[in-house]
Amino acid sequence: MSNRCCNLIAAGLVLVALLPVARAADAAAPAGAASAAAASNLDDRIQDTKHDVIELNRDLLVLEEELLFPANTQVALFVSMDVGKLFELDSVQIKLDDKLVASYLYTPLEVQALHRGGMQRVYLGNLRSGEHELVAFFTGKGPHERDYKRGTTVKFDKGSGAKYIELRIQDSMDKLQPEFDVKVWQ
């Protein structure tokens, strides 16, 4: 573990250990004008300590992501919709190299967010360099309110950098049915 990580963890443990002591001192303070000022000062210190703990937690989360998902092995999968009048998304299931890595059921609010141009990260993981196969299955309601299940497959080469892949659901007006496309970002 890096020295920075050890220092952050040690600082977080010290701050977390001080919170119960500060609360106990606050509860034991005698009543009166002097104690009110001391309590106010103690409340300020507690708030400052809470703020420090929140900042430390954010730094730890960033460090954890850097350690667990280094850029040279990172792969991220996203889902997006373009128009979406011919397909109402219910769920997505994603396999990487014949291994199920993500399965997600959508709420109506999430589907609305995708219709408004949102993009959802459905998977973040590590993948070794080389050739890989991605298979995605989409289920939902298609044209004329019929159940619809379609899949799409793409083979891609994972190099030494991070790989970002977008699973796009688009309307094909000439065919009057949805199309499922995979875009590998460079």
C-alpha atoms as a PDB file:
ATOM      1  CA  MET A   1       0.000   0.000   0.000  1.00  0.00           C
ATOM      2  CA  SER A   2       1.346   3.458  -0.817  1.00  0.00           C
ATOM      3  CA  ASN A   3       2.536   5.872   1.844  1.00  0.00           C
ATOM      4  CA  ARG A   4      -0.200   8.356   0.829  1.00  0.00           C
ATOM      5  CA  CYS A   5      -2.881   5.714   1.317  1.00  0.00           C
ATOM      6  CA  CYS A   6      -1.518   4.781   4.769  1.00  0.00           C
ATOM      7  CA  ASN A   7      -1.434   8.454   5.796  1.00  0.00           C
ATOM      8  CA  LEU A   8      -5.022   9.008   4.617  1.00  0.00           C
ATOM      9  CA  ILE A   9      -6.270   5.946   6.475  1.00  0.00           C
ATOM     10  CA  ALA A  10      -4.416   6.925   9.667  1.00  0.00           C
ATOM     11  CA  ALA A  11      -5.794  10.472   9.512  1.00  0.00           C
ATOM     12  CA  GLY A  12      -9.303   9.141   8.971  1.00  0.00           C
ATOM     13  CA  LEU A  13      -9.052   6.817  11.964  1.00  0.00           C
ATOM     14  CA  VAL A  14      -7.850   9.668  14.190  1.00  0.00           C
ATOM     15  CA  LEU A  15     -10.711  11.925  13.056  1.00  0.00           C
ATOM     16  CA  VAL A  16     -13.307   9.204  13.502  1.00  0.00           C
ATOM     17  CA  ALA A  17     -11.895   8.385  16.965  1.00  0.00           C
ATOM     18  CA  LEU A  18     -12.251  12.049  18.042  1.00  0.00           C
ATOM     19  CA  LEU A  19     -15.985  12.247  17.261  1.00  0.00           C
ATOM     20  CA  PRO A  20     -17.209  10.173  20.273  1.00  0.00           C
ATOM     21  CA  VAL A  21     -14.866  12.084  22.615  1.00  0.00           C
ATOM     22  CA  ALA A  22     -16.206  15.412  21.362  1.00  0.00           C
ATOM     23  CA  ARG A  23     -19.807  14.245  21.759  1.00  0.00           C
ATOM     24  CA  ALA A  24     -19.150  12.961  25.303  1.00  0.00           C
ATOM     25  CA  ALA A  25     -17.529  16.266  26.268  1.00  0.00           C
ATOM     26  CA  ASP A  26     -20.545  18.095  24.843  1.00  0.00           C
ATOM     27  CA  ALA A  27     -22.963  15.979  26.904  1.00  0.00           C
ATOM     28  CA  ALA A  28     -20.992  16.437  30.145  1.00  0.00           C
ATOM     29  CA  ALA A  29     -20.641  20.250  29.922  1.00  0.00           C
ATOM     30  CA  PRO A  30     -22.242  22.143  32.853  1.00  0.00           C
ATOM     31  CA  ALA A  31     -25.128  24.531  32.247  1.00  0.00           C
ATOM     32  CA  GLY A  32     -24.542  28.285  32.150  1.00  0.00           C
ATOM     33  CA  ALA A  33     -23.339  31.085  29.919  1.00  0.00           C
ATOM     34  CA  ALA A  34     -19.737  29.905  29.890  1.00  0.00           C
ATOM     35  CA  SER A  35     -20.793  26.383  29.038  1.00  0.00           C
ATOM     36  CA  ALA A  36     -23.002  27.670  26.200  1.00  0.00           C
ATOM     37  CA  ALA A  37     -19.989  29.372  24.623  1.00  0.00           C
ATOM     38  CA  ALA A  38     -17.917  26.229  25.123  1.00  0.00           C
ATOM     39  CA  ALA A  39     -20.681  24.109  23.619  1.00  0.00           C
ATOM     40  CA  SER A  40     -20.859  26.430  20.621  1.00  0.00           C
ATOM     41  CA  ASN A  41     -17.084  26.156  20.213  1.00  0.00           C
ATOM     42  CA  LEU A  42     -17.336  22.375  20.527  1.00  0.00           C
ATOM     43  CA  ASP A  43     -20.128  22.281  17.914  1.00  0.00           C
ATOM     44  CA  ASP A  44     -17.890  24.238  15.538  1.00  0.00           C
ATOM     45  CA  ARG A  45     -15.060  21.786  16.132  1.00  0.00           C
ATOM     46  CA  ILE A  46     -17.387  18.835  15.542  1.00  0.00           C
ATOM     47  CA  GLN A  47     -18.632  20.377  12.282  1.00  0.00           C
ATOM     48  CA  ASP A  48     -15.046  21.009  11.172  1.00  0.00           C
ATOM     49  CA  THR A  49     -14.153  17.421  12.037  1.00  0.00           C
ATOM     50  CA  LYS A  50     -17.175  16.113  10.084  1.00  0.00           C
ATOM     51  CA  HIS A  51     -16.117  18.224   7.097  1.00  0.00           C
ATOM     52  CA  ASP A  52     -12.571  16.810   7.333  1.00  0.00           C
ATOM     53  CA  VAL A  53     -13.939  13.245   7.502  1.00  0.00           C
ATOM     54  CA  ILE A  54     -16.097  13.840   4.399  1.00  0.00           C
ATOM     55  CA  GLU A  55     -13.105  15.206   2.468  1.00  0.00           C
ATOM     56  CA  LEU A  56     -10.980  12.281   3.619  1.00  0.00           C
ATOM     57  CA  ASN A  57     -13.674   9.811   2.572  1.00  0.00           C
ATOM     58  CA  ARG A  58     -13.795  11.397  -0.905  1.00  0.00           C
ATOM     59  CA  ASP A  59     -10.007  11.131  -1.220  1.00  0.00           C
ATOM     60  CA  LEU A  60     -10.130   7.485  -0.110  1.00  0.00           C
ATOM     61  CA  LEU A  61     -12.807   6.672  -2.704  1.00  0.00           C
ATOM     62  CA  VAL A  62     -10.740   8.259  -5.483  1.00  0.00           C
ATOM     63  CA  LEU A  63      -7.661   6.362  -4.326  1.00  0.00           C
ATOM     64  CA  GLU A  64      -9.630   3.111  -4.105  1.00  0.00           C
ATOM     65  CA  GLU A  65     -10.865   3.523  -7.690  1.00  0.00           C
ATOM     66  CA  GLU A  66      -7.316   4.243  -8.896  1.00  0.00           C
ATOM     67  CA  LEU A  67      -6.032   1.107  -7.147  1.00  0.00           C
ATOM     68  CA  LEU A  68      -8.885  -1.223  -8.156  1.00  0.00           C
ATOM     69  CA  PHE A  69      -9.322   0.001 -11.724  1.00  0.00           C
ATOM     70  CA  PRO A  70      -5.977   1.201 -13.115  1.00  0.00           C
ATOM     71  CA  ALA A  71      -6.252   2.963 -16.483  1.00  0.00           C
ATOM     72  CA  ASN A  72      -4.255   0.318 -18.353  1.00  0.00           C
ATOM     73  CA  THR A  73      -6.800  -2.458 -17.552  1.00  0.00           C
ATOM     74  CA  GLN A  74     -10.000  -0.419 -17.195  1.00  0.00           C
ATOM     75  CA  VAL A  75     -13.090  -1.035 -19.313  1.00  0.00           C
ATOM     76  CA  ALA A  76     -16.346   0.900 -18.903  1.00  0.00           C
ATOM     77  CA  LEU A  77     -19.686   0.090 -20.561  1.00  0.00           C
ATOM     78  CA  PHE A  78     -22.434   2.682 -21.054  1.00  0.00           C
ATOM     79  CA  VAL A  79     -26.061   2.548 -22.274  1.00  0.00           C
ATOM     80  CA  SER A  80     -27.689   5.399 -24.212  1.00  0.00           C
ATOM     81  CA  MET A  81     -30.865   5.916 -26.260  1.00  0.00           C
ATOM     82  CA  ASP A  82     -31.442   8.017 -29.351  1.00  0.00           C
ATOM     83  CA  VAL A  83     -35.121   9.017 -29.795  1.00  0.00           C
ATOM     84  CA  GLY A  84     -36.553   5.762 -28.372  1.00  0.00           C
ATOM     85  CA  LYS A  85     -40.071   5.993 -29.838  1.00  0.00           C
ATOM     86  CA  LEU A  86     -39.966   2.450 -31.232  1.00  0.00           C
ATOM     87  CA  PHE A  87     -38.572   0.740 -28.138  1.00  0.00           C
ATOM     88  CA  GLU A  88     -39.347   1.031 -24.425  1.00  0.00           C
ATOM     89  CA  LEU A  89     -36.359  -0.394 -22.540  1.00  0.00           C
ATOM     90  CA  ASP A  90     -36.996  -2.820 -19.647  1.00  0.00           C
ATOM     91  CA  SER A  91     -33.611  -4.435 -19.027  1.00  0.00           C
ATOM     92  CA  VAL A  92     -30.063  -4.940 -20.250  1.00  0.00           C
ATOM     93  CA  GLN A  93     -27.831  -7.975 -19.786  1.00  0.00           C
ATOM     94  CA  ILE A  94     -24.145  -7.801 -20.729  1.00  0.00           C
ATOM     95  CA  LYS A  95     -21.576 -10.544 -21.168  1.00  0.00           C
ATOM     96  CA  LEU A  96     -17.851 -10.072 -21.679  1.00  0.00           C
ATOM     97  CA  ASP A  97     -16.025 -13.125 -22.992  1.00  0.00           C
ATOM     98  CA  ASP A  98     -19.013 -15.389 -22.128  1.00  0.00           C
ATOM     99  CA  LYS A  99     -19.090 -14.120 -18.521  1.00  0.00           C
ATOM    100  CA  LEU A 100     -22.118 -12.185 -17.251  1.00  0.00           C
ATOM    101  CA  VAL A 101     -20.768  -8.843 -15.986  1.00  0.00           C
ATOM    102  CA  ALA A 102     -23.918  -6.692 -15.736  1.00  0.00           C
ATOM    103  CA  SER A 103     -27.665  -7.098 -15.575  1.00  0.00           C
ATOM    104  CA  TYR A 104     -29.923  -4.106 -14.987  1.00  0.00           C
ATOM    105  CA  LEU A 105     -33.702  -3.512 -14.737  1.00  0.00           C
ATOM    106  CA  TYR A 106     -34.830   0.013 -15.618  1.00  0.00           C
ATOM    107  CA  THR A 107     -37.494   2.109 -13.913  1.00  0.00           C
ATOM    108  CA  PRO A 108     -39.677   4.460 -15.985  1.00  0.00           C
ATOM    109  CA  LEU A 109     -37.764   7.462 -14.602  1.00  0.00           C
ATOM    110  CA  GLU A 110     -34.430   5.980 -15.686  1.00  0.00           C
ATOM    111  CA  VAL A 111     -35.800   5.337 -19.178  1.00  0.00           C
ATOM    112  CA  GLN A 112     -37.002   8.961 -19.334  1.00  0.00           C
ATOM    113  CA  ALA A 113     -33.517  10.135 -18.368  1.00  0.00           C
ATOM    114  CA  LEU A 114     -32.031   8.045 -21.200  1.00  0.00           C
ATOM    115  CA  HIS A 115     -34.585   9.559 -23.628  1.00  0.00           C
ATOM    116  CA  ARG A 116     -33.465  13.048 -22.579  1.00  0.00           C
ATOM    117  CA  GLY A 117     -29.884  12.252 -23.574  1.00  0.00           C
ATOM    118  CA  GLY A 118     -28.612  10.604 -20.419  1.00  0.00           C
ATOM    119  CA  MET A 119     -26.009   7.900 -20.439  1.00  0.00           C
ATOM    120  CA  GLN A 120     -25.749   5.186 -17.791  1.00  0.00           C
ATOM    121  CA  ARG A 121     -22.533   3.437 -16.800  1.00  0.00           C
ATOM    122  CA  VAL A 122     -23.632  -0.172 -16.354  1.00  0.00           C
ATOM    123  CA  TYR A 123     -20.204  -1.711 -15.817  1.00  0.00           C
ATOM    124  CA  LEU A 124     -16.710  -0.687 -14.748  1.00  0.00           C
ATOM    125  CA  GLY A 125     -14.075  -3.375 -14.448  1.00  0.00           C
ATOM    126  CA  ASN A 126     -10.666  -4.678 -15.368  1.00  0.00           C
ATOM    127  CA  LEU A 127      -9.839  -6.441 -18.604  1.00  0.00           C
ATOM    128  CA  ARG A 128      -6.498  -7.709 -19.839  1.00  0.00           C
ATOM    129  CA  SER A 129      -5.068  -6.572 -23.158  1.00  0.00           C
ATOM    130  CA  GLY A 130      -6.065  -8.544 -26.239  1.00  0.00           C
ATOM    131  CA  GLU A 131      -9.173  -9.424 -28.235  1.00  0.00           C
ATOM    132  CA  HIS A 132     -12.510  -9.684 -26.429  1.00  0.00           C
ATOM    133  CA  GLU A 133     -16.161 -10.262 -27.271  1.00  0.00           C
ATOM    134  CA  LEU A 134     -19.030  -8.216 -25.888  1.00  0.00           C
ATOM    135  CA  VAL A 135     -22.614  -9.519 -26.083  1.00  0.00           C
ATOM    136  CA  ALA A 136     -25.525  -7.320 -24.953  1.00  0.00           C
ATOM    137  CA  PHE A 137     -29.195  -8.349 -24.693  1.00  0.00           C
ATOM    138  CA  PHE A 138     -31.937  -5.717 -24.585  1.00  0.00           C
ATOM    139  CA  THR A 139     -35.517  -6.507 -23.540  1.00  0.00           C
ATOM    140  CA  GLY A 140     -38.528  -4.226 -23.620  1.00  0.00           C
ATOM    141  CA  LYS A 141     -41.616  -3.278 -25.604  1.00  0.00           C
ATOM    142  CA  GLY A 142     -41.163  -2.852 -29.322  1.00  0.00           C
ATOM    143  CA  PRO A 143     -43.494  -1.567 -32.023  1.00  0.00           C
ATOM    144  CA  HIS A 144     -47.206  -2.287 -31.447  1.00  0.00           C
ATOM    145  CA  GLU A 145     -46.552  -3.005 -27.725  1.00  0.00           C
ATOM    146  CA  ARG A 146     -45.021  -6.404 -28.462  1.00  0.00           C
ATOM    147  CA  ASP A 147     -42.355  -7.911 -26.228  1.00  0.00           C
ATOM    148  CA  TYR A 148     -38.991  -7.429 -27.831  1.00  0.00           C
ATOM    149  CA  LYS A 149     -35.655  -9.068 -27.076  1.00  0.00           C
ATOM    150  CA  ARG A 150     -32.642  -8.357 -29.210  1.00  0.00           C
ATOM    151  CA  GLY A 151     -28.938  -8.814 -28.850  1.00  0.00           C
ATOM    152  CA  THR A 152     -25.857  -7.320 -30.349  1.00  0.00           C
ATOM    153  CA  THR A 153     -22.296  -8.593 -30.440  1.00  0.00           C
ATOM    154  CA  VAL A 154     -19.008  -6.854 -31.037  1.00  0.00           C
ATOM    155  CA  LYS A 155     -15.425  -8.025 -30.958  1.00  0.00           C
ATOM    156  CA  PHE A 156     -12.912  -5.425 -29.885  1.00  0.00           C
ATOM    157  CA  ASP A 157      -9.221  -5.187 -29.150  1.00  0.00           C
ATOM    158  CA  LYS A 158      -8.246  -3.937 -25.692  1.00  0.00           C
ATOM    159  CA  GLY A 159      -4.945  -2.103 -25.805  1.00  0.00           C
ATOM    160  CA  SER A 160      -2.863  -0.698 -22.992  1.00  0.00           C
ATOM    161  CA  GLY A 161      -5.202   2.234 -22.248  1.00  0.00           C
ATOM    162  CA  ALA A 162      -8.702   2.430 -20.845  1.00  0.00           C
ATOM    163  CA  LYS A 163     -11.532   1.270 -23.123  1.00  0.00           C
ATOM    164  CA  TYR A 164     -14.978   2.918 -23.218  1.00  0.00           C
ATOM    165  CA  ILE A 165     -17.860   1.200 -25.005  1.00  0.00           C
ATOM    166  CA  GLU A 166     -21.314   2.680 -25.621  1.00  0.00           C
ATOM    167  CA  LEU A 167     -24.360   0.474 -26.209  1.00  0.00           C
ATOM    168  CA  ARG A 168     -26.755   2.636 -28.218  1.00  0.00           C
ATOM    169  CA  ILE A 169     -30.450   2.046 -28.828  1.00  0.00           C
ATOM    170  CA  GLN A 170     -31.625   3.930 -31.904  1.00  0.00           C
ATOM    171  CA  ASP A 171     -34.830   4.126 -33.924  1.00  0.00           C
ATOM    172  CA  SER A 172     -34.695   3.057 -37.552  1.00  0.00           C
ATOM    173  CA  MET A 173     -37.549   4.944 -39.199  1.00  0.00           C
ATOM    174  CA  ASP A 174     -37.094   3.233 -42.579  1.00  0.00           C
ATOM    175  CA  LYS A 175     -37.434  -0.229 -40.954  1.00  0.00           C
ATOM    176  CA  LEU A 176     -39.839   0.988 -38.215  1.00  0.00           C
ATOM    177  CA  GLN A 177     -37.996  -0.937 -35.548  1.00  0.00           C
ATOM    178  CA  PRO A 178     -35.238  -0.271 -33.032  1.00  0.00           C
ATOM    179  CA  GLU A 179     -31.577  -0.863 -33.820  1.00  0.00           C
ATOM    180  CA  PHE A 180     -28.922  -1.777 -31.293  1.00  0.00           C
ATOM    181  CA  ASP A 181     -25.470  -0.450 -32.011  1.00  0.00           C
ATOM    182  CA  VAL A 182     -22.146  -0.693 -30.194  1.00  0.00           C
ATOM    183  CA  LYS A 183     -19.679   2.176 -30.383  1.00  0.00           C
ATOM    184  CA  VAL A 184     -16.139   1.607 -29.145  1.00  0.00           C
ATOM    185  CA  TRP A 185     -14.637   4.949 -28.127  1.00  0.00           C
ATOM    186  CA  GLN A 186     -10.975   5.534 -28.893  1.00  0.00           C
END
